[in-house]
């Protein structure tokens, strides 16, 4: 049995976990305050939120913890639920995507941990402690994407991006109308309606479709819209970039503000010449017609090195190797 902890922020962690759990040979139990997703084959332990009343972390044990507010009943409940599950099932491994505190809890129960490393500045005490407690560290970007993370000296298994949709080896035949698809995230931020109207007004020859965010529709399967776009305008979240890469569509990337400089770190890497993306650090109020034209001329096949469709297999091989290691029972 393998446990897979899924962070509740946004939807990217959940989408990634659903794909990766399907690649593993052992049964997988999800551990999350999110509801069990469709397509999850194993058990699911629904945890209480750890911010029932706490609005800030408070005492972080001199920086060795990220979120463990003293007296928080939701935190107490969720940690007890995870401990109970570990005690009853004796899992061979726990994947933490992502929580330093959950990684530490599993390790203190004598369970090996695979911790997911996110982009950004991860050199603080809590991140270092979580990595030290982990048997392996996995990152969902390609090895050649240097500069995605700072403050990590330990070996990283960079397996590439994970998309819940199959990669498109052949370009999708699109209609004659030129189309822009805007991807908003559930994690907050993103382009506002006023900003989108500014961009639309400058591009009368383009059709705009907004998916997600505060006001756009949430589609169970946004992939056809992404594939049929001439250009995708997106934030720099890992899930969004992975799906754009799987669709092999050129992109305009506008990173949102996130803790630890997460999306801006990804955007700085994508700003390099080797990726089919234009990067804007902030919403540009002018030049959208020329910007869309430049983006549309980029060769989307360059995303193949970012997302080749085999990251789940590489992740499964990593986990299988750790599970196969002899552990005193």
C-alpha atoms as a PDB file:
ATOM      1  CA  UNK A   1       0.000   0.000   0.000  1.00  0.00           C
ATOM      2  CA  UNK A   2       1.171   3.514  -0.876  1.00  0.00           C
ATOM      3  CA  UNK A   3      -0.201   6.723   0.604  1.00  0.00           C
ATOM      4  CA  UNK A   4      -0.401   9.842  -1.542  1.00  0.00           C
ATOM      5  CA  UNK A   5      -0.890  13.167   0.244  1.00  0.00           C
ATOM      6  CA  UNK A   6      -2.517  15.797  -2.008  1.00  0.00           C
ATOM      7  CA  UNK A   7      -2.370  19.481  -1.081  1.00  0.00           C
ATOM      8  CA  UNK A   8      -5.697  21.291  -1.332  1.00  0.00           C
ATOM      9  CA  UNK A   9      -4.454  24.524  -2.947  1.00  0.00           C
ATOM     10  CA  UNK A  10      -5.586  24.881  -6.558  1.00  0.00           C
ATOM     11  CA  UNK A  11      -6.273  21.832  -8.712  1.00  0.00           C
ATOM     12  CA  UNK A  12      -2.816  20.977 -10.062  1.00  0.00           C
ATOM     13  CA  UNK A  13      -1.762  18.722  -7.167  1.00  0.00           C
ATOM     14  CA  UNK A  14      -4.968  16.706  -7.492  1.00  0.00           C
ATOM     15  CA  UNK A  15      -4.732  16.327 -11.265  1.00  0.00           C
ATOM     16  CA  UNK A  16      -1.096  15.239 -11.012  1.00  0.00           C
ATOM     17  CA  UNK A  17      -1.791  12.758  -8.212  1.00  0.00           C
ATOM     18  CA  UNK A  18      -4.648  11.163 -10.165  1.00  0.00           C
ATOM     19  CA  UNK A  19      -2.402  10.530 -13.163  1.00  0.00           C
ATOM     20  CA  UNK A  20       0.556   9.295 -11.127  1.00  0.00           C
ATOM     21  CA  UNK A  21      -1.498   6.982  -8.904  1.00  0.00           C
ATOM     22  CA  UNK A  22      -2.683   5.159 -12.025  1.00  0.00           C
ATOM     23  CA  UNK A  23       0.941   4.484 -12.983  1.00  0.00           C
ATOM     24  CA  UNK A  24       1.843   2.695  -9.744  1.00  0.00           C
ATOM     25  CA  UNK A  25       1.707  -1.084  -9.370  1.00  0.00           C
ATOM     26  CA  UNK A  26       0.656  -1.038  -5.710  1.00  0.00           C
ATOM     27  CA  UNK A  27      -2.736   0.110  -4.376  1.00  0.00           C
ATOM     28  CA  UNK A  28      -2.736   3.831  -3.598  1.00  0.00           C
ATOM     29  CA  UNK A  29      -4.731   5.602  -0.900  1.00  0.00           C
ATOM     30  CA  UNK A  30      -5.281   9.327  -1.299  1.00  0.00           C
ATOM     31  CA  UNK A  31      -4.862  11.549   1.758  1.00  0.00           C
ATOM     32  CA  UNK A  32      -6.348  15.006   1.317  1.00  0.00           C
ATOM     33  CA  UNK A  33      -8.886  17.556   2.481  1.00  0.00           C
ATOM     34  CA  UNK A  34     -10.141  17.600  -1.122  1.00  0.00           C
ATOM     35  CA  UNK A  35     -12.976  15.267  -2.146  1.00  0.00           C
ATOM     36  CA  UNK A  36     -12.093  12.035  -3.908  1.00  0.00           C
ATOM     37  CA  UNK A  37     -11.704  12.770  -7.637  1.00  0.00           C
ATOM     38  CA  UNK A  38     -13.314  10.834 -10.436  1.00  0.00           C
ATOM     39  CA  UNK A  39     -10.976   8.228 -11.775  1.00  0.00           C
ATOM     40  CA  UNK A  40      -9.275   7.523  -8.441  1.00  0.00           C
ATOM     41  CA  UNK A  41      -9.183   3.718  -8.228  1.00  0.00           C
ATOM     42  CA  UNK A  42      -8.052   3.288  -4.618  1.00  0.00           C
ATOM     43  CA  UNK A  43      -9.253   4.353  -1.198  1.00  0.00           C
ATOM     44  CA  UNK A  44      -9.474   7.993  -0.155  1.00  0.00           C
ATOM     45  CA  UNK A  45      -9.057   9.387   3.361  1.00  0.00           C
ATOM     46  CA  UNK A  46     -10.832  12.752   3.538  1.00  0.00           C
ATOM     47  CA  UNK A  47      -8.938  14.972   5.969  1.00  0.00           C
ATOM     48  CA  UNK A  48     -10.184  18.037   7.785  1.00  0.00           C
ATOM     49  CA  UNK A  49      -8.774  21.372   6.674  1.00  0.00           C
ATOM     50  CA  UNK A  50      -5.961  22.593   8.914  1.00  0.00           C
ATOM     51  CA  UNK A  51      -7.194  26.206   8.898  1.00  0.00           C
ATOM     52  CA  UNK A  52     -10.552  25.819  10.668  1.00  0.00           C
ATOM     53  CA  UNK A  53      -9.890  29.022  12.566  1.00  0.00           C
ATOM     54  CA  UNK A  54      -6.197  29.771  12.175  1.00  0.00           C
ATOM     55  CA  UNK A  55      -5.526  32.555   9.651  1.00  0.00           C
ATOM     56  CA  UNK A  56      -1.731  32.410   9.915  1.00  0.00           C
ATOM     57  CA  UNK A  57       0.929  29.889  10.816  1.00  0.00           C
ATOM     58  CA  UNK A  58       1.832  31.556  14.122  1.00  0.00           C
ATOM     59  CA  UNK A  59       4.639  29.718  15.898  1.00  0.00           C
ATOM     60  CA  UNK A  60       6.651  27.904  13.209  1.00  0.00           C
ATOM     61  CA  UNK A  61       9.131  26.282  15.618  1.00  0.00           C
ATOM     62  CA  UNK A  62      11.859  28.735  14.695  1.00  0.00           C
ATOM     63  CA  UNK A  63      11.142  28.279  10.997  1.00  0.00           C
ATOM     64  CA  UNK A  64      11.356  24.483  10.943  1.00  0.00           C
ATOM     65  CA  UNK A  65       7.624  24.178  10.142  1.00  0.00           C
ATOM     66  CA  UNK A  66       5.485  25.910   7.528  1.00  0.00           C
ATOM     67  CA  UNK A  67       1.969  25.417   8.845  1.00  0.00           C
ATOM     68  CA  UNK A  68       1.323  23.958  12.291  1.00  0.00           C
ATOM     69  CA  UNK A  69      -0.715  26.610  14.167  1.00  0.00           C
ATOM     70  CA  UNK A  70      -0.900  25.876  17.877  1.00  0.00           C
ATOM     71  CA  UNK A  71      -4.321  24.740  19.063  1.00  0.00           C
ATOM     72  CA  UNK A  72      -5.777  24.360  15.551  1.00  0.00           C
ATOM     73  CA  UNK A  73      -8.427  21.595  15.798  1.00  0.00           C
ATOM     74  CA  UNK A  74      -8.365  20.796  12.084  1.00  0.00           C
ATOM     75  CA  UNK A  75      -4.624  20.237  12.181  1.00  0.00           C
ATOM     76  CA  UNK A  76      -4.964  17.919  15.173  1.00  0.00           C
ATOM     77  CA  UNK A  77      -7.718  15.952  13.472  1.00  0.00           C
ATOM     78  CA  UNK A  78      -5.946  15.515  10.127  1.00  0.00           C
ATOM     79  CA  UNK A  79      -2.643  14.463  11.674  1.00  0.00           C
ATOM     80  CA  UNK A  80      -4.457  11.940  13.882  1.00  0.00           C
ATOM     81  CA  UNK A  81      -6.296  10.580  10.828  1.00  0.00           C
ATOM     82  CA  UNK A  82      -3.041  10.105   8.904  1.00  0.00           C
ATOM     83  CA  UNK A  83      -1.408   8.429  11.921  1.00  0.00           C
ATOM     84  CA  UNK A  84      -4.386   6.099  12.302  1.00  0.00           C
ATOM     85  CA  UNK A  85      -4.258   5.181   8.618  1.00  0.00           C
ATOM     86  CA  UNK A  86      -0.506   4.477   8.815  1.00  0.00           C
ATOM     87  CA  UNK A  87      -0.992   2.361  11.923  1.00  0.00           C
ATOM     88  CA  UNK A  88      -3.778   0.309  10.336  1.00  0.00           C
ATOM     89  CA  UNK A  89      -2.303  -0.217   6.867  1.00  0.00           C
ATOM     90  CA  UNK A  90       1.500  -0.164   7.399  1.00  0.00           C
ATOM     91  CA  UNK A  91       2.146   1.503   4.022  1.00  0.00           C
ATOM     92  CA  UNK A  92       5.342   0.752   2.167  1.00  0.00           C
ATOM     93  CA  UNK A  93       5.769   4.428   1.212  1.00  0.00           C
ATOM     94  CA  UNK A  94       4.101   7.852   1.373  1.00  0.00           C
ATOM     95  CA  UNK A  95       4.263  10.466  -1.377  1.00  0.00           C
ATOM     96  CA  UNK A  96       4.009  14.062  -0.123  1.00  0.00           C
ATOM     97  CA  UNK A  97       2.705  16.542  -2.718  1.00  0.00           C
ATOM     98  CA  UNK A  98       3.254  18.716  -0.832  1.00  0.00           C
ATOM     99  CA  UNK A  99       3.638  19.171   2.905  1.00  0.00           C
ATOM    100  CA  UNK A 100       6.733  19.266   5.065  1.00  0.00           C
ATOM    101  CA  UNK A 101       4.605  18.400   8.086  1.00  0.00           C
ATOM    102  CA  UNK A 102       3.058  15.311   6.469  1.00  0.00           C
ATOM    103  CA  UNK A 103       6.487  14.161   5.274  1.00  0.00           C
ATOM    104  CA  UNK A 104       7.825  14.458   8.828  1.00  0.00           C
ATOM    105  CA  UNK A 105       4.802  12.665  10.276  1.00  0.00           C
ATOM    106  CA  UNK A 106       5.210   9.712   7.924  1.00  0.00           C
ATOM    107  CA  UNK A 107       8.954   9.509   8.541  1.00  0.00           C
ATOM    108  CA  UNK A 108       8.397   9.556  12.319  1.00  0.00           C
ATOM    109  CA  UNK A 109       6.211   6.498  11.817  1.00  0.00           C
ATOM    110  CA  UNK A 110       9.138   4.770  10.107  1.00  0.00           C
ATOM    111  CA  UNK A 111       7.652   5.071   6.629  1.00  0.00           C
ATOM    112  CA  UNK A 112       9.826   6.071   3.628  1.00  0.00           C
ATOM    113  CA  UNK A 113       8.762   9.318   1.984  1.00  0.00           C
ATOM    114  CA  UNK A 114       8.996  10.631  -1.574  1.00  0.00           C
ATOM    115  CA  UNK A 115       8.650  14.415  -1.458  1.00  0.00           C
ATOM    116  CA  UNK A 116       7.659  16.505  -4.445  1.00  0.00           C
ATOM    117  CA  UNK A 117       9.852  19.583  -4.914  1.00  0.00           C
ATOM    118  CA  UNK A 118       8.134  22.641  -6.354  1.00  0.00           C
ATOM    119  CA  UNK A 119       9.770  25.477  -8.292  1.00  0.00           C
ATOM    120  CA  UNK A 120      11.009  28.590  -6.544  1.00  0.00           C
ATOM    121  CA  UNK A 121      13.157  29.421  -3.545  1.00  0.00           C
ATOM    122  CA  UNK A 122      13.074  26.318  -1.331  1.00  0.00           C
ATOM    123  CA  UNK A 123      16.117  26.920   0.829  1.00  0.00           C
ATOM    124  CA  UNK A 124      14.317  27.777   4.080  1.00  0.00           C
ATOM    125  CA  UNK A 125      14.627  25.640   7.214  1.00  0.00           C
ATOM    126  CA  UNK A 126      11.296  23.875   6.826  1.00  0.00           C
ATOM    127  CA  UNK A 127      11.958  22.804   3.256  1.00  0.00           C
ATOM    128  CA  UNK A 128      15.449  21.609   4.187  1.00  0.00           C
ATOM    129  CA  UNK A 129      14.051  19.566   7.081  1.00  0.00           C
ATOM    130  CA  UNK A 130      11.384  18.001   4.893  1.00  0.00           C
ATOM    131  CA  UNK A 131      13.936  17.044   2.274  1.00  0.00           C
ATOM    132  CA  UNK A 132      16.240  15.565   4.916  1.00  0.00           C
ATOM    133  CA  UNK A 133      13.386  13.338   6.112  1.00  0.00           C
ATOM    134  CA  UNK A 134      12.683  12.093   2.579  1.00  0.00           C
ATOM    135  CA  UNK A 135      14.091   9.009   0.910  1.00  0.00           C
ATOM    136  CA  UNK A 136      13.829  10.623  -2.538  1.00  0.00           C
ATOM    137  CA  UNK A 137      12.950  13.975  -4.083  1.00  0.00           C
ATOM    138  CA  UNK A 138      11.021  14.227  -7.339  1.00  0.00           C
ATOM    139  CA  UNK A 139      10.501  17.265  -9.562  1.00  0.00           C
ATOM    140  CA  UNK A 140       8.052  17.511 -12.446  1.00  0.00           C
ATOM    141  CA  UNK A 141      10.114  19.367 -14.992  1.00  0.00           C
ATOM    142  CA  UNK A 142      12.842  18.179 -17.392  1.00  0.00           C
ATOM    143  CA  UNK A 143      16.462  17.914 -16.358  1.00  0.00           C
ATOM    144  CA  UNK A 144      17.464  20.613 -18.834  1.00  0.00           C
ATOM    145  CA  UNK A 145      15.142  23.214 -17.272  1.00  0.00           C
ATOM    146  CA  UNK A 146      17.906  24.615 -15.089  1.00  0.00           C
ATOM    147  CA  UNK A 147      17.032  27.298 -12.568  1.00  0.00           C
ATOM    148  CA  UNK A 148      13.559  26.038 -11.676  1.00  0.00           C
ATOM    149  CA  UNK A 149      14.422  25.725  -7.990  1.00  0.00           C
ATOM    150  CA  UNK A 150      16.887  27.433  -5.663  1.00  0.00           C
ATOM    151  CA  UNK A 151      18.248  26.355  -2.297  1.00  0.00           C
ATOM    152  CA  UNK A 152      18.161  22.610  -3.046  1.00  0.00           C
ATOM    153  CA  UNK A 153      21.502  20.824  -2.861  1.00  0.00           C
ATOM    154  CA  UNK A 154      20.179  17.260  -2.665  1.00  0.00           C
ATOM    155  CA  UNK A 155      19.812  15.070  -5.788  1.00  0.00           C
ATOM    156  CA  UNK A 156      16.556  15.646  -7.663  1.00  0.00           C
ATOM    157  CA  UNK A 157      14.794  13.112  -9.844  1.00  0.00           C
ATOM    158  CA  UNK A 158      13.545  15.398 -12.644  1.00  0.00           C
ATOM    159  CA  UNK A 159      11.035  13.211 -14.472  1.00  0.00           C
ATOM    160  CA  UNK A 160       9.422  15.830 -16.713  1.00  0.00           C
ATOM    161  CA  UNK A 161       6.002  17.445 -16.673  1.00  0.00           C
ATOM    162  CA  UNK A 162       2.858  15.433 -15.950  1.00  0.00           C
ATOM    163  CA  UNK A 163      -0.254  16.115 -18.007  1.00  0.00           C
ATOM    164  CA  UNK A 164      -3.594  14.408 -17.423  1.00  0.00           C
ATOM    165  CA  UNK A 165      -4.063  14.455 -21.205  1.00  0.00           C
ATOM    166  CA  UNK A 166      -2.093  12.533 -23.849  1.00  0.00           C
ATOM    167  CA  UNK A 167       0.546  14.432 -25.768  1.00  0.00           C
ATOM    168  CA  UNK A 168      -0.350  15.505 -29.299  1.00  0.00           C
ATOM    169  CA  UNK A 169       2.262  14.223 -31.704  1.00  0.00           C
ATOM    170  CA  UNK A 170       0.310  15.591 -34.649  1.00  0.00           C
ATOM    171  CA  UNK A 171      -1.100  19.148 -34.633  1.00  0.00           C
ATOM    172  CA  UNK A 172      -4.869  19.423 -34.319  1.00  0.00           C
ATOM    173  CA  UNK A 173      -6.592  20.772 -37.436  1.00  0.00           C
ATOM    174  CA  UNK A 174      -8.015  24.133 -36.377  1.00  0.00           C
ATOM    175  CA  UNK A 175     -10.745  26.296 -37.872  1.00  0.00           C
ATOM    176  CA  UNK A 176      -9.976  29.342 -39.997  1.00  0.00           C
ATOM    177  CA  UNK A 177     -10.802  31.723 -37.153  1.00  0.00           C
ATOM    178  CA  UNK A 178      -7.760  32.651 -35.078  1.00  0.00           C
ATOM    179  CA  UNK A 179      -8.294  31.663 -31.479  1.00  0.00           C
ATOM    180  CA  UNK A 180      -6.818  32.558 -28.092  1.00  0.00           C
ATOM    181  CA  UNK A 181      -7.541  30.410 -25.041  1.00  0.00           C
ATOM    182  CA  UNK A 182      -6.912  31.948 -21.606  1.00  0.00           C
ATOM    183  CA  UNK A 183      -6.242  29.537 -18.736  1.00  0.00           C
ATOM    184  CA  UNK A 184      -7.089  30.784 -15.257  1.00  0.00           C
ATOM    185  CA  UNK A 185      -6.078  28.949 -12.101  1.00  0.00           C
ATOM    186  CA  UNK A 186      -7.979  27.978  -8.981  1.00  0.00           C
ATOM    187  CA  UNK A 187      -5.112  29.172  -6.836  1.00  0.00           C
ATOM    188  CA  UNK A 188      -6.116  32.825  -7.234  1.00  0.00           C
ATOM    189  CA  UNK A 189      -4.661  35.701  -9.221  1.00  0.00           C
ATOM    190  CA  UNK A 190      -4.677  35.663 -13.003  1.00  0.00           C
ATOM    191  CA  UNK A 191      -5.943  38.171 -15.524  1.00  0.00           C
ATOM    192  CA  UNK A 192      -8.903  40.317 -14.549  1.00  0.00           C
ATOM    193  CA  UNK A 193     -11.945  40.986 -16.729  1.00  0.00           C
ATOM    194  CA  UNK A 194     -10.745  44.557 -17.251  1.00  0.00           C
ATOM    195  CA  UNK A 195      -7.329  43.375 -18.451  1.00  0.00           C
ATOM    196  CA  UNK A 196      -8.883  40.846 -20.806  1.00  0.00           C
ATOM    197  CA  UNK A 197     -11.098  43.542 -22.310  1.00  0.00           C
ATOM    198  CA  UNK A 198      -8.016  45.673 -22.973  1.00  0.00           C
ATOM    199  CA  UNK A 199      -6.369  42.753 -24.817  1.00  0.00           C
ATOM    200  CA  UNK A 200      -9.545  41.897 -26.760  1.00  0.00           C
ATOM    201  CA  UNK A 201     -10.011  45.487 -27.902  1.00  0.00           C
ATOM    202  CA  UNK A 202      -6.537  45.443 -29.467  1.00  0.00           C
ATOM    203  CA  UNK A 203      -7.070  42.139 -31.329  1.00  0.00           C
ATOM    204  CA  UNK A 204     -10.295  42.329 -33.362  1.00  0.00           C
ATOM    205  CA  UNK A 205      -9.203  39.516 -35.651  1.00  0.00           C
ATOM    206  CA  UNK A 206      -8.951  36.975 -32.830  1.00  0.00           C
ATOM    207  CA  UNK A 207     -11.581  34.978 -30.936  1.00  0.00           C
ATOM    208  CA  UNK A 208     -10.982  34.780 -27.183  1.00  0.00           C
ATOM    209  CA  UNK A 209     -12.095  31.943 -24.888  1.00  0.00           C
ATOM    210  CA  UNK A 210     -11.544  32.148 -21.116  1.00  0.00           C
ATOM    211  CA  UNK A 211     -11.373  28.939 -19.083  1.00  0.00           C
ATOM    212  CA  UNK A 212     -11.213  28.864 -15.290  1.00  0.00           C
ATOM    213  CA  UNK A 213     -10.162  31.682 -13.009  1.00  0.00           C
ATOM    214  CA  UNK A 214     -12.668  33.737 -11.076  1.00  0.00           C
ATOM    215  CA  UNK A 215     -15.262  34.080 -13.844  1.00  0.00           C
ATOM    216  CA  UNK A 216     -14.460  31.638 -16.636  1.00  0.00           C
ATOM    217  CA  UNK A 217     -16.199  28.243 -16.945  1.00  0.00           C
ATOM    218  CA  UNK A 218     -14.549  25.158 -15.489  1.00  0.00           C
ATOM    219  CA  UNK A 219     -14.503  22.352 -18.033  1.00  0.00           C
ATOM    220  CA  UNK A 220     -13.979  18.744 -17.052  1.00  0.00           C
ATOM    221  CA  UNK A 221     -12.011  18.391 -20.283  1.00  0.00           C
ATOM    222  CA  UNK A 222     -10.483  21.691 -21.444  1.00  0.00           C
ATOM    223  CA  UNK A 223      -7.990  19.893 -23.669  1.00  0.00           C
ATOM    224  CA  UNK A 224      -9.905  20.224 -26.961  1.00  0.00           C
ATOM    225  CA  UNK A 225     -10.066  23.996 -26.478  1.00  0.00           C
ATOM    226  CA  UNK A 226      -6.342  24.128 -25.707  1.00  0.00           C
ATOM    227  CA  UNK A 227      -5.461  22.003 -28.732  1.00  0.00           C
ATOM    228  CA  UNK A 228      -7.565  24.131 -31.072  1.00  0.00           C
ATOM    229  CA  UNK A 229      -6.023  27.411 -29.916  1.00  0.00           C
ATOM    230  CA  UNK A 230      -3.504  29.263 -32.043  1.00  0.00           C
ATOM    231  CA  UNK A 231      -2.101  30.765 -28.828  1.00  0.00           C
ATOM    232  CA  UNK A 232      -2.689  29.935 -25.157  1.00  0.00           C
ATOM    233  CA  UNK A 233      -2.405  32.710 -22.563  1.00  0.00           C
ATOM    234  CA  UNK A 234      -1.688  31.120 -19.208  1.00  0.00           C
ATOM    235  CA  UNK A 235      -0.281  31.556 -15.735  1.00  0.00           C
ATOM    236  CA  UNK A 236       2.875  29.609 -14.877  1.00  0.00           C
ATOM    237  CA  UNK A 237       1.390  26.903 -12.687  1.00  0.00           C
ATOM    238  CA  UNK A 238       2.899  23.463 -13.269  1.00  0.00           C
ATOM    239  CA  UNK A 239      -0.387  21.843 -14.301  1.00  0.00           C
ATOM    240  CA  UNK A 240      -1.296  24.567 -16.802  1.00  0.00           C
ATOM    241  CA  UNK A 241       2.146  24.559 -18.416  1.00  0.00           C
ATOM    242  CA  UNK A 242       2.097  20.752 -18.609  1.00  0.00           C
ATOM    243  CA  UNK A 243      -1.234  20.743 -20.450  1.00  0.00           C
ATOM    244  CA  UNK A 244      -0.153  23.466 -22.864  1.00  0.00           C
ATOM    245  CA  UNK A 245       3.029  21.483 -23.480  1.00  0.00           C
ATOM    246  CA  UNK A 246       1.087  18.255 -24.036  1.00  0.00           C
ATOM    247  CA  UNK A 247      -1.075  20.065 -26.607  1.00  0.00           C
ATOM    248  CA  UNK A 248       2.071  21.404 -28.296  1.00  0.00           C
ATOM    249  CA  UNK A 249       0.594  24.903 -28.470  1.00  0.00           C
ATOM    250  CA  UNK A 250       2.616  28.149 -28.324  1.00  0.00           C
ATOM    251  CA  UNK A 251       1.968  30.183 -25.204  1.00  0.00           C
ATOM    252  CA  UNK A 252       2.092  33.602 -23.649  1.00  0.00           C
ATOM    253  CA  UNK A 253       2.951  33.059 -19.991  1.00  0.00           C
ATOM    254  CA  UNK A 254       2.080  35.646 -17.328  1.00  0.00           C
ATOM    255  CA  UNK A 255       3.150  34.289 -13.907  1.00  0.00           C
ATOM    256  CA  UNK A 256       0.944  34.884 -10.875  1.00  0.00           C
ATOM    257  CA  UNK A 257       2.327  35.791  -7.467  1.00  0.00           C
ATOM    258  CA  UNK A 258       2.814  32.687  -5.345  1.00  0.00           C
ATOM    259  CA  UNK A 259       4.758  31.910  -2.154  1.00  0.00           C
ATOM    260  CA  UNK A 260       8.446  31.105  -2.557  1.00  0.00           C
ATOM    261  CA  UNK A 261       8.561  32.806  -5.994  1.00  0.00           C
ATOM    262  CA  UNK A 262       7.112  29.620  -7.498  1.00  0.00           C
ATOM    263  CA  UNK A 263       5.539  30.809 -10.749  1.00  0.00           C
ATOM    264  CA  UNK A 264       8.074  33.551 -11.425  1.00  0.00           C
ATOM    265  CA  UNK A 265      10.866  30.970 -11.210  1.00  0.00           C
ATOM    266  CA  UNK A 266       9.132  28.832 -13.814  1.00  0.00           C
ATOM    267  CA  UNK A 267       8.520  31.859 -16.004  1.00  0.00           C
ATOM    268  CA  UNK A 268      12.181  32.883 -15.917  1.00  0.00           C
ATOM    269  CA  UNK A 269      13.151  29.437 -17.207  1.00  0.00           C
ATOM    270  CA  UNK A 270      10.487  29.566 -19.929  1.00  0.00           C
ATOM    271  CA  UNK A 271      11.761  32.991 -20.987  1.00  0.00           C
ATOM    272  CA  UNK A 272      14.837  31.263 -22.370  1.00  0.00           C
ATOM    273  CA  UNK A 273      15.029  30.909 -26.119  1.00  0.00           C
ATOM    274  CA  UNK A 274      14.544  27.143 -26.173  1.00  0.00           C
ATOM    275  CA  UNK A 275      10.849  27.031 -25.243  1.00  0.00           C
ATOM    276  CA  UNK A 276       7.830  27.988 -27.405  1.00  0.00           C
ATOM    277  CA  UNK A 277       6.584  30.683 -25.040  1.00  0.00           C
ATOM    278  CA  UNK A 278       6.623  34.444 -24.682  1.00  0.00           C
ATOM    279  CA  UNK A 279       6.863  35.539 -21.056  1.00  0.00           C
ATOM    280  CA  UNK A 280       5.467  38.741 -19.574  1.00  0.00           C
ATOM    281  CA  UNK A 281       6.155  39.573 -15.940  1.00  0.00           C
ATOM    282  CA  UNK A 282       2.927  41.497 -15.429  1.00  0.00           C
ATOM    283  CA  UNK A 283       0.012  42.288 -17.699  1.00  0.00           C
ATOM    284  CA  UNK A 284       1.093  44.346 -20.722  1.00  0.00           C
ATOM    285  CA  UNK A 285      -1.431  47.091 -21.464  1.00  0.00           C
ATOM    286  CA  UNK A 286      -0.376  47.532 -25.092  1.00  0.00           C
ATOM    287  CA  UNK A 287       0.935  45.566 -28.068  1.00  0.00           C
ATOM    288  CA  UNK A 288      -1.390  42.573 -27.948  1.00  0.00           C
ATOM    289  CA  UNK A 289      -1.916  42.263 -31.702  1.00  0.00           C
ATOM    290  CA  UNK A 290       1.816  42.022 -32.381  1.00  0.00           C
ATOM    291  CA  UNK A 291       2.321  39.805 -29.311  1.00  0.00           C
ATOM    292  CA  UNK A 292      -0.222  37.234 -30.487  1.00  0.00           C
ATOM    293  CA  UNK A 293       1.314  37.208 -33.951  1.00  0.00           C
ATOM    294  CA  UNK A 294       4.784  36.581 -32.536  1.00  0.00           C
ATOM    295  CA  UNK A 295       3.506  33.806 -30.266  1.00  0.00           C
ATOM    296  CA  UNK A 296       1.553  32.122 -33.076  1.00  0.00           C
ATOM    297  CA  UNK A 297       4.759  31.813 -35.118  1.00  0.00           C
ATOM    298  CA  UNK A 298       6.498  29.787 -32.377  1.00  0.00           C
ATOM    299  CA  UNK A 299       6.926  26.076 -33.007  1.00  0.00           C
ATOM    300  CA  UNK A 300       4.847  24.260 -30.391  1.00  0.00           C
ATOM    301  CA  UNK A 301       6.680  21.001 -31.026  1.00  0.00           C
ATOM    302  CA  UNK A 302       9.465  22.431 -28.848  1.00  0.00           C
ATOM    303  CA  UNK A 303       7.380  21.461 -25.820  1.00  0.00           C
ATOM    304  CA  UNK A 304       8.253  17.796 -26.438  1.00  0.00           C
ATOM    305  CA  UNK A 305      11.309  18.172 -24.218  1.00  0.00           C
ATOM    306  CA  UNK A 306       9.157  19.594 -21.399  1.00  0.00           C
ATOM    307  CA  UNK A 307       6.390  16.988 -21.534  1.00  0.00           C
ATOM    308  CA  UNK A 308       7.075  13.808 -23.504  1.00  0.00           C
ATOM    309  CA  UNK A 309       4.262  11.768 -21.944  1.00  0.00           C
ATOM    310  CA  UNK A 310       6.550   9.395 -20.046  1.00  0.00           C
ATOM    311  CA  UNK A 311       6.885  11.193 -16.691  1.00  0.00           C
ATOM    312  CA  UNK A 312       4.404   8.827 -14.954  1.00  0.00           C
ATOM    313  CA  UNK A 313       6.499   5.841 -16.006  1.00  0.00           C
ATOM    314  CA  UNK A 314       9.676   7.414 -14.655  1.00  0.00           C
ATOM    315  CA  UNK A 315       7.896   8.311 -11.413  1.00  0.00           C
ATOM    316  CA  UNK A 316       6.570   4.758 -11.076  1.00  0.00           C
ATOM    317  CA  UNK A 317      10.059   3.336 -11.569  1.00  0.00           C
ATOM    318  CA  UNK A 318      11.419   5.607  -8.834  1.00  0.00           C
ATOM    319  CA  UNK A 319       8.701   4.552  -6.396  1.00  0.00           C
ATOM    320  CA  UNK A 320       9.050   0.863  -7.287  1.00  0.00           C
ATOM    321  CA  UNK A 321      12.778   1.015  -6.594  1.00  0.00           C
ATOM    322  CA  UNK A 322      12.189   2.453  -3.134  1.00  0.00           C
ATOM    323  CA  UNK A 323       9.421  -0.020  -2.319  1.00  0.00           C
ATOM    324  CA  UNK A 324      11.682  -2.898  -3.330  1.00  0.00           C
ATOM    325  CA  UNK A 325      14.404  -1.834  -0.906  1.00  0.00           C
ATOM    326  CA  UNK A 326      14.506  -4.057   2.185  1.00  0.00           C
ATOM    327  CA  UNK A 327      12.856  -2.436   5.188  1.00  0.00           C
ATOM    328  CA  UNK A 328      12.717  -3.891   8.693  1.00  0.00           C
ATOM    329  CA  UNK A 329       9.086  -4.825   9.399  1.00  0.00           C
END
